[in-house]
């Protein structure tokens, strides 16, 4: 895969050269150099974003695998009768808990 998009570079150079506001008295060669600078900056930004995304995905998978390998914790209401649990959650006191 090509690193730089030459078609986009040429399109940018033509856009700069044909637009008097962006051209600012530059020659065709200077416009082409500016377009290459833009493309190189764009490639650097794309690669940085891709590396950051890859690192984020790797960290996410590492955290997921760490949580997956942990021993399950003891259940919160284990050992309590259902009457005690329902009273503690508000069901035994005629209170609406909401959904």
PDB file of N, CA and C in Angstrom:
ATOM      1  N   UNK A   1       0.842  -1.183   0.000  1.00  0.00           N
ATOM      2  CA  UNK A   1       0.000   0.000   0.000  1.00  0.00           C
ATOM      3  C   UNK A   1       0.885   1.245   0.000  1.00  0.00           C
ATOM      4  N   UNK A   2       0.503   2.193  -0.837  1.00  0.00           N
ATOM      5  CA  UNK A   2       1.258   3.433  -0.898  1.00  0.00           C
ATOM      6  C   UNK A   2       0.992   4.264   0.342  1.00  0.00           C
ATOM      7  N   UNK A   3       2.049   4.897   0.798  1.00  0.00           N
ATOM      8  CA  UNK A   3       1.923   5.693   2.008  1.00  0.00           C
ATOM      9  C   UNK A   3       1.233   7.022   1.726  1.00  0.00           C
ATOM     10  N   UNK A   4       1.559   7.608   0.581  1.00  0.00           N
ATOM     11  CA  UNK A   4       0.996   8.914   0.230  1.00  0.00           C
ATOM     12  C   UNK A   4       0.014   8.770  -0.917  1.00  0.00           C
ATOM     13  N   UNK A   5      -1.016   9.588  -0.873  1.00  0.00           N
ATOM     14  CA  UNK A   5      -2.014   9.599  -1.932  1.00  0.00           C
ATOM     15  C   UNK A   5      -1.623  10.688  -2.938  1.00  0.00           C
ATOM     16  N   UNK A   6      -0.937  10.270  -4.012  1.00  0.00           N
ATOM     17  CA  UNK A   6      -0.424  11.230  -4.993  1.00  0.00           C
ATOM     18  C   UNK A   6      -1.557  11.961  -5.714  1.00  0.00           C
ATOM     19  N   UNK A   7      -2.657  11.264  -5.909  1.00  0.00           N
ATOM     20  CA  UNK A   7      -3.806  11.890  -6.566  1.00  0.00           C
ATOM     21  C   UNK A   7      -4.322  13.067  -5.739  1.00  0.00           C
ATOM     22  N   UNK A   8      -4.406  12.877  -4.428  1.00  0.00           N
ATOM     23  CA  UNK A   8      -4.868  13.946  -3.543  1.00  0.00           C
ATOM     24  C   UNK A   8      -3.861  15.091  -3.498  1.00  0.00           C
ATOM     25  N   UNK A   9      -2.566  14.756  -3.559  1.00  0.00           N
ATOM     26  CA  UNK A   9      -1.531  15.800  -3.574  1.00  0.00           C
ATOM     27  C   UNK A   9      -1.697  16.684  -4.796  1.00  0.00           C
ATOM     28  N   UNK A  10      -1.883  16.060  -5.952  1.00  0.00           N
ATOM     29  CA  UNK A  10      -2.044  16.847  -7.181  1.00  0.00           C
ATOM     30  C   UNK A  10      -3.335  17.662  -7.155  1.00  0.00           C
ATOM     31  N   UNK A  11      -4.405  17.084  -6.630  1.00  0.00           N
ATOM     32  CA  UNK A  11      -5.656  17.838  -6.532  1.00  0.00           C
ATOM     33  C   UNK A  11      -5.492  19.052  -5.631  1.00  0.00           C
ATOM     34  N   UNK A  12      -4.802  18.861  -4.496  1.00  0.00           N
ATOM     35  CA  UNK A  12      -4.565  19.978  -3.580  1.00  0.00           C
ATOM     36  C   UNK A  12      -3.690  21.043  -4.232  1.00  0.00           C
ATOM     37  N   UNK A  13      -2.657  20.613  -4.952  1.00  0.00           N
ATOM     38  CA  UNK A  13      -1.769  21.573  -5.607  1.00  0.00           C
ATOM     39  C   UNK A  13      -2.531  22.385  -6.651  1.00  0.00           C
ATOM     40  N   UNK A  14      -3.374  21.733  -7.441  1.00  0.00           N
ATOM     41  CA  UNK A  14      -4.176  22.454  -8.438  1.00  0.00           C
ATOM     42  C   UNK A  14      -5.168  23.397  -7.761  1.00  0.00           C
ATOM     43  N   UNK A  15      -5.745  22.943  -6.650  1.00  0.00           N
ATOM     44  CA  UNK A  15      -6.704  23.798  -5.934  1.00  0.00           C
ATOM     45  C   UNK A  15      -6.013  25.044  -5.397  1.00  0.00           C
ATOM     46  N   UNK A  16      -4.815  24.862  -4.851  1.00  0.00           N
ATOM     47  CA  UNK A  16      -4.068  26.013  -4.332  1.00  0.00           C
ATOM     48  C   UNK A  16      -3.681  26.956  -5.471  1.00  0.00           C
ATOM     49  N   UNK A  17      -3.188  26.384  -6.570  1.00  0.00           N
ATOM     50  CA  UNK A  17      -2.685  27.199  -7.679  1.00  0.00           C
ATOM     51  C   UNK A  17      -3.807  27.973  -8.373  1.00  0.00           C
ATOM     52  N   UNK A  18      -4.984  27.347  -8.464  1.00  0.00           N
ATOM     53  CA  UNK A  18      -6.086  28.013  -9.172  1.00  0.00           C
ATOM     54  C   UNK A  18      -6.824  29.024  -8.293  1.00  0.00           C
ATOM     55  N   UNK A  19      -6.684  28.926  -6.981  1.00  0.00           N
ATOM     56  CA  UNK A  19      -7.364  29.841  -6.068  1.00  0.00           C
ATOM     57  C   UNK A  19      -6.415  30.998  -5.743  1.00  0.00           C
ATOM     58  N   UNK A  20      -6.783  32.199  -6.167  1.00  0.00           N
ATOM     59  CA  UNK A  20      -5.910  33.359  -5.963  1.00  0.00           C
ATOM     60  C   UNK A  20      -5.705  33.677  -4.490  1.00  0.00           C
ATOM     61  N   UNK A  21      -6.721  33.444  -3.671  1.00  0.00           N
ATOM     62  CA  UNK A  21      -6.595  33.752  -2.247  1.00  0.00           C
ATOM     63  C   UNK A  21      -5.564  32.845  -1.576  1.00  0.00           C
ATOM     64  N   UNK A  22      -5.589  31.542  -1.920  1.00  0.00           N
ATOM     65  CA  UNK A  22      -4.636  30.603  -1.327  1.00  0.00           C
ATOM     66  C   UNK A  22      -3.274  30.672  -2.002  1.00  0.00           C
ATOM     67  N   UNK A  23      -3.249  31.063  -3.244  1.00  0.00           N
ATOM     68  CA  UNK A  23      -1.996  31.048  -4.010  1.00  0.00           C
ATOM     69  C   UNK A  23      -0.997  32.070  -3.468  1.00  0.00           C
ATOM     70  N   UNK A  24      -1.455  33.279  -3.239  1.00  0.00           N
ATOM     71  CA  UNK A  24      -0.630  34.349  -2.663  1.00  0.00           C
ATOM     72  C   UNK A  24       0.669  34.557  -3.434  1.00  0.00           C
ATOM     73  N   UNK A  25       0.594  34.514  -4.765  1.00  0.00           N
ATOM     74  CA  UNK A  25       1.762  34.787  -5.600  1.00  0.00           C
ATOM     75  C   UNK A  25       2.742  33.642  -5.705  1.00  0.00           C
ATOM     76  N   UNK A  26       2.360  32.449  -5.285  1.00  0.00           N
ATOM     77  CA  UNK A  26       3.266  31.309  -5.350  1.00  0.00           C
ATOM     78  C   UNK A  26       3.296  30.721  -6.756  1.00  0.00           C
ATOM     79  N   UNK A  27       4.410  30.098  -7.058  1.00  0.00           N
ATOM     80  CA  UNK A  27       4.537  29.401  -8.337  1.00  0.00           C
ATOM     81  C   UNK A  27       3.939  28.004  -8.203  1.00  0.00           C
ATOM     82  N   UNK A  28       3.876  27.300  -9.359  1.00  0.00           N
ATOM     83  CA  UNK A  28       3.334  25.942  -9.348  1.00  0.00           C
ATOM     84  C   UNK A  28       4.176  25.028  -8.445  1.00  0.00           C
ATOM     85  N   UNK A  29       5.475  25.155  -8.503  1.00  0.00           N
ATOM     86  CA  UNK A  29       6.351  24.319  -7.684  1.00  0.00           C
ATOM     87  C   UNK A  29       6.139  24.556  -6.191  1.00  0.00           C
ATOM     88  N   UNK A  30       5.948  25.814  -5.823  1.00  0.00           N
ATOM     89  CA  UNK A  30       5.702  26.119  -4.410  1.00  0.00           C
ATOM     90  C   UNK A  30       4.357  25.569  -3.950  1.00  0.00           C
ATOM     91  N   UNK A  31       3.350  25.646  -4.825  1.00  0.00           N
ATOM     92  CA  UNK A  31       2.034  25.075  -4.483  1.00  0.00           C
ATOM     93  C   UNK A  31       2.131  23.560  -4.327  1.00  0.00           C
ATOM     94  N   UNK A  32       2.920  22.932  -5.186  1.00  0.00           N
ATOM     95  CA  UNK A  32       3.099  21.486  -5.101  1.00  0.00           C
ATOM     96  C   UNK A  32       3.829  21.110  -3.802  1.00  0.00           C
ATOM     97  N   UNK A  33       4.828  21.888  -3.412  1.00  0.00           N
ATOM     98  CA  UNK A  33       5.531  21.638  -2.157  1.00  0.00           C
ATOM     99  C   UNK A  33       4.578  21.785  -0.967  1.00  0.00           C
ATOM    100  N   UNK A  34       3.723  22.787  -1.005  1.00  0.00           N
ATOM    101  CA  UNK A  34       2.756  22.986   0.076  1.00  0.00           C
ATOM    102  C   UNK A  34       1.797  21.802   0.152  1.00  0.00           C
ATOM    103  N   UNK A  35       1.363  21.307  -1.014  1.00  0.00           N
ATOM    104  CA  UNK A  35       0.445  20.161  -1.036  1.00  0.00           C
ATOM    105  C   UNK A  35       1.131  18.920  -0.465  1.00  0.00           C
ATOM    106  N   UNK A  36       2.415  18.719  -0.776  1.00  0.00           N
ATOM    107  CA  UNK A  36       3.147  17.579  -0.213  1.00  0.00           C
ATOM    108  C   UNK A  36       3.297  17.715   1.293  1.00  0.00           C
ATOM    109  N   UNK A  37       3.542  18.941   1.761  1.00  0.00           N
ATOM    110  CA  UNK A  37       3.638  19.152   3.216  1.00  0.00           C
ATOM    111  C   UNK A  37       2.329  18.786   3.893  1.00  0.00           C
ATOM    112  N   UNK A  38       1.215  19.195   3.297  1.00  0.00           N
ATOM    113  CA  UNK A  38      -0.106  18.872   3.864  1.00  0.00           C
ATOM    114  C   UNK A  38      -0.317  17.365   3.904  1.00  0.00           C
ATOM    115  N   UNK A  39       0.060  16.691   2.806  1.00  0.00           N
ATOM    116  CA  UNK A  39      -0.134  15.238   2.746  1.00  0.00           C
ATOM    117  C   UNK A  39       0.731  14.525   3.784  1.00  0.00           C
ATOM    118  N   UNK A  40       1.968  14.968   3.941  1.00  0.00           N
ATOM    119  CA  UNK A  40       2.848  14.344   4.935  1.00  0.00           C
ATOM    120  C   UNK A  40       2.318  14.566   6.348  1.00  0.00           C
ATOM    121  N   UNK A  41       1.804  15.749   6.623  1.00  0.00           N
ATOM    122  CA  UNK A  41       1.203  16.006   7.933  1.00  0.00           C
ATOM    123  C   UNK A  41      -0.034  15.141   8.139  1.00  0.00           C
ATOM    124  N   UNK A  42      -0.840  14.998   7.084  1.00  0.00           N
ATOM    125  CA  UNK A  42      -2.048  14.177   7.194  1.00  0.00           C
ATOM    126  C   UNK A  42      -1.691  12.718   7.465  1.00  0.00           C
ATOM    127  N   UNK A  43      -0.655  12.208   6.808  1.00  0.00           N
ATOM    128  CA  UNK A  43      -0.227  10.823   7.027  1.00  0.00           C
ATOM    129  C   UNK A  43       0.267  10.651   8.462  1.00  0.00           C
ATOM    130  N   UNK A  44       1.037  11.631   8.954  1.00  0.00           N
ATOM    131  CA  UNK A  44       1.543  11.553  10.327  1.00  0.00           C
ATOM    132  C   UNK A  44       0.389  11.531  11.320  1.00  0.00           C
ATOM    133  N   UNK A  45      -0.618  12.357  11.094  1.00  0.00           N
ATOM    134  CA  UNK A  45      -1.780  12.396  11.993  1.00  0.00           C
ATOM    135  C   UNK A  45      -2.556  11.084  11.926  1.00  0.00           C
ATOM    136  N   UNK A  46      -2.754  10.558  10.706  1.00  0.00           N
ATOM    137  CA  UNK A  46      -3.471   9.279  10.557  1.00  0.00           C
ATOM    138  C   UNK A  46      -2.741   8.148  11.278  1.00  0.00           C
ATOM    139  N   UNK A  47      -1.415   8.100  11.137  1.00  0.00           N
ATOM    140  CA  UNK A  47      -0.646   7.040  11.792  1.00  0.00           C
ATOM    141  C   UNK A  47      -0.689   7.185  13.309  1.00  0.00           C
ATOM    142  N   UNK A  48      -0.648   8.416  13.791  1.00  0.00           N
ATOM    143  CA  UNK A  48      -0.728   8.635  15.242  1.00  0.00           C
ATOM    144  C   UNK A  48      -2.088   8.208  15.774  1.00  0.00           C
ATOM    145  N   UNK A  49      -3.147   8.544  15.039  1.00  0.00           N
ATOM    146  CA  UNK A  49      -4.496   8.131  15.458  1.00  0.00           C
ATOM    147  C   UNK A  49      -4.628   6.619  15.457  1.00  0.00           C
ATOM    148  N   UNK A  50      -4.080   5.969  14.423  1.00  0.00           N
ATOM    149  CA  UNK A  50      -4.167   4.511  14.343  1.00  0.00           C
ATOM    150  C   UNK A  50      -3.397   3.859  15.487  1.00  0.00           C
ATOM    151  N   UNK A  51      -2.215   4.392  15.801  1.00  0.00           N
ATOM    152  CA  UNK A  51      -1.424   3.835  16.903  1.00  0.00           C
ATOM    153  C   UNK A  51      -2.144   4.028  18.234  1.00  0.00           C
ATOM    154  N   UNK A  52      -2.745   5.200  18.413  1.00  0.00           N
ATOM    155  CA  UNK A  52      -3.481   5.473  19.652  1.00  0.00           C
ATOM    156  C   UNK A  52      -4.683   4.536  19.782  1.00  0.00           C
ATOM    157  N   UNK A  53      -5.386   4.315  18.669  1.00  0.00           N
ATOM    158  CA  UNK A  53      -6.539   3.419  18.681  1.00  0.00           C
ATOM    159  C   UNK A  53      -6.112   1.986  18.983  1.00  0.00           C
ATOM    160  N   UNK A  54      -5.008   1.539  18.369  1.00  0.00           N
ATOM    161  CA  UNK A  54      -4.505   0.187  18.631  1.00  0.00           C
ATOM    162  C   UNK A  54      -4.118   0.014  20.097  1.00  0.00           C
ATOM    163  N   UNK A  55      -3.476   1.032  20.667  1.00  0.00           N
ATOM    164  CA  UNK A  55      -3.090   0.960  22.078  1.00  0.00           C
ATOM    165  C   UNK A  55      -4.326   0.922  22.972  1.00  0.00           C
ATOM    166  N   UNK A  56      -5.351   1.702  22.610  1.00  0.00           N
ATOM    167  CA  UNK A  56      -6.578   1.729  23.399  1.00  0.00           C
ATOM    168  C   UNK A  56      -7.290   0.371  23.337  1.00  0.00           C
ATOM    169  N   UNK A  57      -7.317  -0.227  22.160  1.00  0.00           N
ATOM    170  CA  UNK A  57      -7.960  -1.532  22.003  1.00  0.00           C
ATOM    171  C   UNK A  57      -7.188  -2.599  22.782  1.00  0.00           C
ATOM    172  N   UNK A  58      -5.866  -2.550  22.714  1.00  0.00           N
ATOM    173  CA  UNK A  58      -5.054  -3.524  23.451  1.00  0.00           C
ATOM    174  C   UNK A  58      -5.261  -3.376  24.960  1.00  0.00           C
ATOM    175  N   UNK A  59      -5.319  -2.140  25.441  1.00  0.00           N
ATOM    176  CA  UNK A  59      -5.548  -1.918  26.871  1.00  0.00           C
ATOM    177  C   UNK A  59      -6.936  -2.395  27.281  1.00  0.00           C
ATOM    178  N   UNK A  60      -7.905  -2.175  26.417  1.00  0.00           N
ATOM    179  CA  UNK A  60      -9.267  -2.617  26.706  1.00  0.00           C
ATOM    180  C   UNK A  60      -9.335  -4.134  26.791  1.00  0.00           C
ATOM    181  N   UNK A  61      -8.676  -4.826  25.855  1.00  0.00           N
ATOM    182  CA  UNK A  61      -8.676  -6.285  25.891  1.00  0.00           C
ATOM    183  C   UNK A  61      -7.934  -6.802  27.120  1.00  0.00           C
ATOM    184  N   UNK A  62      -6.853  -6.125  27.493  1.00  0.00           N
ATOM    185  CA  UNK A  62      -6.100  -6.552  28.678  1.00  0.00           C
ATOM    186  C   UNK A  62      -6.966  -6.408  29.932  1.00  0.00           C
ATOM    187  N   UNK A  63      -7.686  -5.301  30.038  1.00  0.00           N
ATOM    188  CA  UNK A  63      -8.568  -5.103  31.190  1.00  0.00           C
ATOM    189  C   UNK A  63      -9.700  -6.131  31.176  1.00  0.00           C
ATOM    190  N   UNK A  64     -10.241  -6.407  29.997  1.00  0.00           N
ATOM    191  CA  UNK A  64     -11.314  -7.396  29.876  1.00  0.00           C
ATOM    192  C   UNK A  64     -10.833  -8.775  30.317  1.00  0.00           C
ATOM    193  N   UNK A  65      -9.651  -9.167  29.855  1.00  0.00           N
ATOM    194  CA  UNK A  65      -9.114 -10.475  30.227  1.00  0.00           C
ATOM    195  C   UNK A  65      -8.776 -10.543  31.712  1.00  0.00           C
ATOM    196  N   UNK A  66      -8.320  -9.426  32.283  1.00  0.00           N
ATOM    197  CA  UNK A  66      -8.026  -9.411  33.717  1.00  0.00           C
ATOM    198  C   UNK A  66      -9.299  -9.589  34.542  1.00  0.00           C
ATOM    199  N   UNK A  67     -10.377  -8.907  34.134  1.00  0.00           N
ATOM    200  CA  UNK A  67     -11.659  -9.066  34.845  1.00  0.00           C
ATOM    201  C   UNK A  67     -12.213 -10.461  34.653  1.00  0.00           C
ATOM    202  N   UNK A  68     -12.018 -11.004  33.475  1.00  0.00           N
ATOM    203  CA  UNK A  68     -12.543 -12.338  33.171  1.00  0.00           C
ATOM    204  C   UNK A  68     -11.833 -13.407  34.002  1.00  0.00           C
ATOM    205  N   UNK A  69     -10.545 -13.216  34.260  1.00  0.00           N
ATOM    206  CA  UNK A  69      -9.761 -14.213  34.984  1.00  0.00           C
ATOM    207  C   UNK A  69      -9.870 -14.078  36.504  1.00  0.00           C
ATOM    208  N   UNK A  70     -10.474 -12.994  36.984  1.00  0.00           N
ATOM    209  CA  UNK A  70     -10.663 -12.842  38.427  1.00  0.00           C
ATOM    210  C   UNK A  70     -11.626 -13.896  38.941  1.00  0.00           C
ATOM    211  N   UNK A  71     -11.443 -14.256  40.184  1.00  0.00           N
ATOM    212  CA  UNK A  71     -12.382 -15.196  40.797  1.00  0.00           C
ATOM    213  C   UNK A  71     -13.681 -14.451  41.071  1.00  0.00           C
ATOM    214  N   UNK A  72     -14.796 -15.107  40.836  1.00  0.00           N
ATOM    215  CA  UNK A  72     -16.062 -14.422  41.098  1.00  0.00           C
ATOM    216  C   UNK A  72     -16.213 -14.132  42.585  1.00  0.00           C
ATOM    217  N   UNK A  73     -16.714 -12.958  42.882  1.00  0.00           N
ATOM    218  CA  UNK A  73     -16.899 -12.559  44.281  1.00  0.00           C
ATOM    219  C   UNK A  73     -18.094 -13.291  44.880  1.00  0.00           C
ATOM    220  N   UNK A  74     -18.112 -13.338  46.178  1.00  0.00           N
ATOM    221  CA  UNK A  74     -19.215 -13.977  46.875  1.00  0.00           C
ATOM    222  C   UNK A  74     -20.485 -13.181  46.604  1.00  0.00           C
ATOM    223  N   UNK A  75     -21.561 -13.876  46.393  1.00  0.00           N
ATOM    224  CA  UNK A  75     -22.818 -13.199  46.110  1.00  0.00           C
ATOM    225  C   UNK A  75     -23.239 -12.344  47.286  1.00  0.00           C
ATOM    226  N   UNK A  76     -23.810 -11.210  46.973  1.00  0.00           N
ATOM    227  CA  UNK A  76     -24.120 -10.205  47.982  1.00  0.00           C
ATOM    228  C   UNK A  76     -25.155 -10.693  48.993  1.00  0.00           C
ATOM    229  N   UNK A  77     -26.169 -11.394  48.523  1.00  0.00           N
ATOM    230  CA  UNK A  77     -27.272 -11.796  49.406  1.00  0.00           C
ATOM    231  C   UNK A  77     -27.210 -13.276  49.779  1.00  0.00           C
ATOM    232  N   UNK A  78     -26.059 -13.892  49.613  1.00  0.00           N
ATOM    233  CA  UNK A  78     -25.942 -15.310  49.927  1.00  0.00           C
ATOM    234  C   UNK A  78     -26.065 -15.520  51.433  1.00  0.00           C
ATOM    235  N   UNK A  79     -26.868 -16.467  51.821  1.00  0.00           N
ATOM    236  CA  UNK A  79     -27.039 -16.784  53.229  1.00  0.00           C
ATOM    237  C   UNK A  79     -28.200 -16.048  53.882  1.00  0.00           C
ATOM    238  N   UNK A  80     -28.812 -15.117  53.186  1.00  0.00           N
ATOM    239  CA  UNK A  80     -29.950 -14.384  53.744  1.00  0.00           C
ATOM    240  C   UNK A  80     -31.245 -14.986  53.214  1.00  0.00           C
ATOM    241  N   UNK A  81     -32.256 -14.951  54.036  1.00  0.00           N
ATOM    242  CA  UNK A  81     -33.534 -15.490  53.580  1.00  0.00           C
ATOM    243  C   UNK A  81     -34.184 -14.503  52.620  1.00  0.00           C
ATOM    244  N   UNK A  82     -35.111 -14.975  51.843  1.00  0.00           N
ATOM    245  CA  UNK A  82     -35.766 -14.115  50.859  1.00  0.00           C
ATOM    246  C   UNK A  82     -36.600 -13.030  51.537  1.00  0.00           C
ATOM    247  N   UNK A  83     -37.122 -13.300  52.750  1.00  0.00           N
ATOM    248  CA  UNK A  83     -37.891 -12.274  53.466  1.00  0.00           C
ATOM    249  C   UNK A  83     -37.001 -11.095  53.858  1.00  0.00           C
ATOM    250  N   UNK A  84     -35.810 -11.394  54.302  1.00  0.00           N
ATOM    251  CA  UNK A  84     -34.876 -10.338  54.718  1.00  0.00           C
ATOM    252  C   UNK A  84     -34.457  -9.515  53.502  1.00  0.00           C
ATOM    253  N   UNK A  85     -34.188 -10.176  52.395  1.00  0.00           N
ATOM    254  CA  UNK A  85     -33.760  -9.476  51.179  1.00  0.00           C
ATOM    255  C   UNK A  85     -34.887  -8.597  50.658  1.00  0.00           C
ATOM    256  N   UNK A  86     -36.092  -9.110  50.613  1.00  0.00           N
ATOM    257  CA  UNK A  86     -37.205  -8.316  50.093  1.00  0.00           C
ATOM    258  C   UNK A  86     -37.507  -7.135  51.023  1.00  0.00           C
ATOM    259  N   UNK A  87     -37.372  -7.312  52.323  1.00  0.00           N
ATOM    260  CA  UNK A  87     -37.590  -6.207  53.246  1.00  0.00           C
ATOM    261  C   UNK A  87     -36.499  -5.151  53.084  1.00  0.00           C
ATOM    262  N   UNK A  88     -35.260  -5.603  52.899  1.00  0.00           N
ATOM    263  CA  UNK A  88     -34.145  -4.677  52.749  1.00  0.00           C
ATOM    264  C   UNK A  88     -34.254  -3.873  51.453  1.00  0.00           C
ATOM    265  N   UNK A  89     -34.850  -4.454  50.438  1.00  0.00           N
ATOM    266  CA  UNK A  89     -34.982  -3.757  49.164  1.00  0.00           C
ATOM    267  C   UNK A  89     -36.249  -2.917  49.091  1.00  0.00           C
ATOM    268  N   UNK A  90     -37.048  -2.939  50.135  1.00  0.00           N
ATOM    269  CA  UNK A  90     -38.219  -2.078  50.159  1.00  0.00           C
ATOM    270  C   UNK A  90     -39.515  -2.763  49.813  1.00  0.00           C
ATOM    271  N   UNK A  91     -39.461  -4.019  49.408  1.00  0.00           N
ATOM    272  CA  UNK A  91     -40.687  -4.690  49.005  1.00  0.00           C
ATOM    273  C   UNK A  91     -41.571  -5.052  50.195  1.00  0.00           C
ATOM    274  N   UNK A  92     -40.983  -5.286  51.363  1.00  0.00           N
ATOM    275  CA  UNK A  92     -41.759  -5.702  52.522  1.00  0.00           C
ATOM    276  C   UNK A  92     -42.348  -4.545  53.291  1.00  0.00           C
ATOM    277  N   UNK A  93     -42.053  -3.320  52.905  1.00  0.00           N
ATOM    278  CA  UNK A  93     -42.523  -2.154  53.661  1.00  0.00           C
ATOM    279  C   UNK A  93     -43.555  -1.338  52.900  1.00  0.00           C
ATOM    280  N   UNK A  94     -44.136  -1.922  51.864  1.00  0.00           N
ATOM    281  CA  UNK A  94     -45.131  -1.239  51.041  1.00  0.00           C
ATOM    282  C   UNK A  94     -44.563   0.061  50.421  1.00  0.00           C
ATOM    283  N   UNK A  95     -43.308   0.019  50.049  1.00  0.00           N
ATOM    284  CA  UNK A  95     -42.683   1.150  49.391  1.00  0.00           C
ATOM    285  C   UNK A  95     -42.389   0.784  47.930  1.00  0.00           C
ATOM    286  N   UNK A  96     -42.604   1.722  47.062  1.00  0.00           N
ATOM    287  CA  UNK A  96     -42.317   1.481  45.650  1.00  0.00           C
ATOM    288  C   UNK A  96     -40.858   1.796  45.390  1.00  0.00           C
ATOM    289  N   UNK A  97     -40.119   0.839  44.814  1.00  0.00           N
ATOM    290  CA  UNK A  97     -38.688   1.020  44.556  1.00  0.00           C
ATOM    291  C   UNK A  97     -38.427   1.604  43.176  1.00  0.00           C
ATOM    292  N   UNK A  98     -39.352   1.436  42.291  1.00  0.00           N
ATOM    293  CA  UNK A  98     -39.153   1.915  40.917  1.00  0.00           C
ATOM    294  C   UNK A  98     -38.419   0.888  40.085  1.00  0.00           C
ATOM    295  N   UNK A  99     -38.571   1.017  38.806  1.00  0.00           N
ATOM    296  CA  UNK A  99     -37.915   0.060  37.897  1.00  0.00           C
ATOM    297  C   UNK A  99     -36.808   0.747  37.149  1.00  0.00           C
TER     298      UNK A  99
END
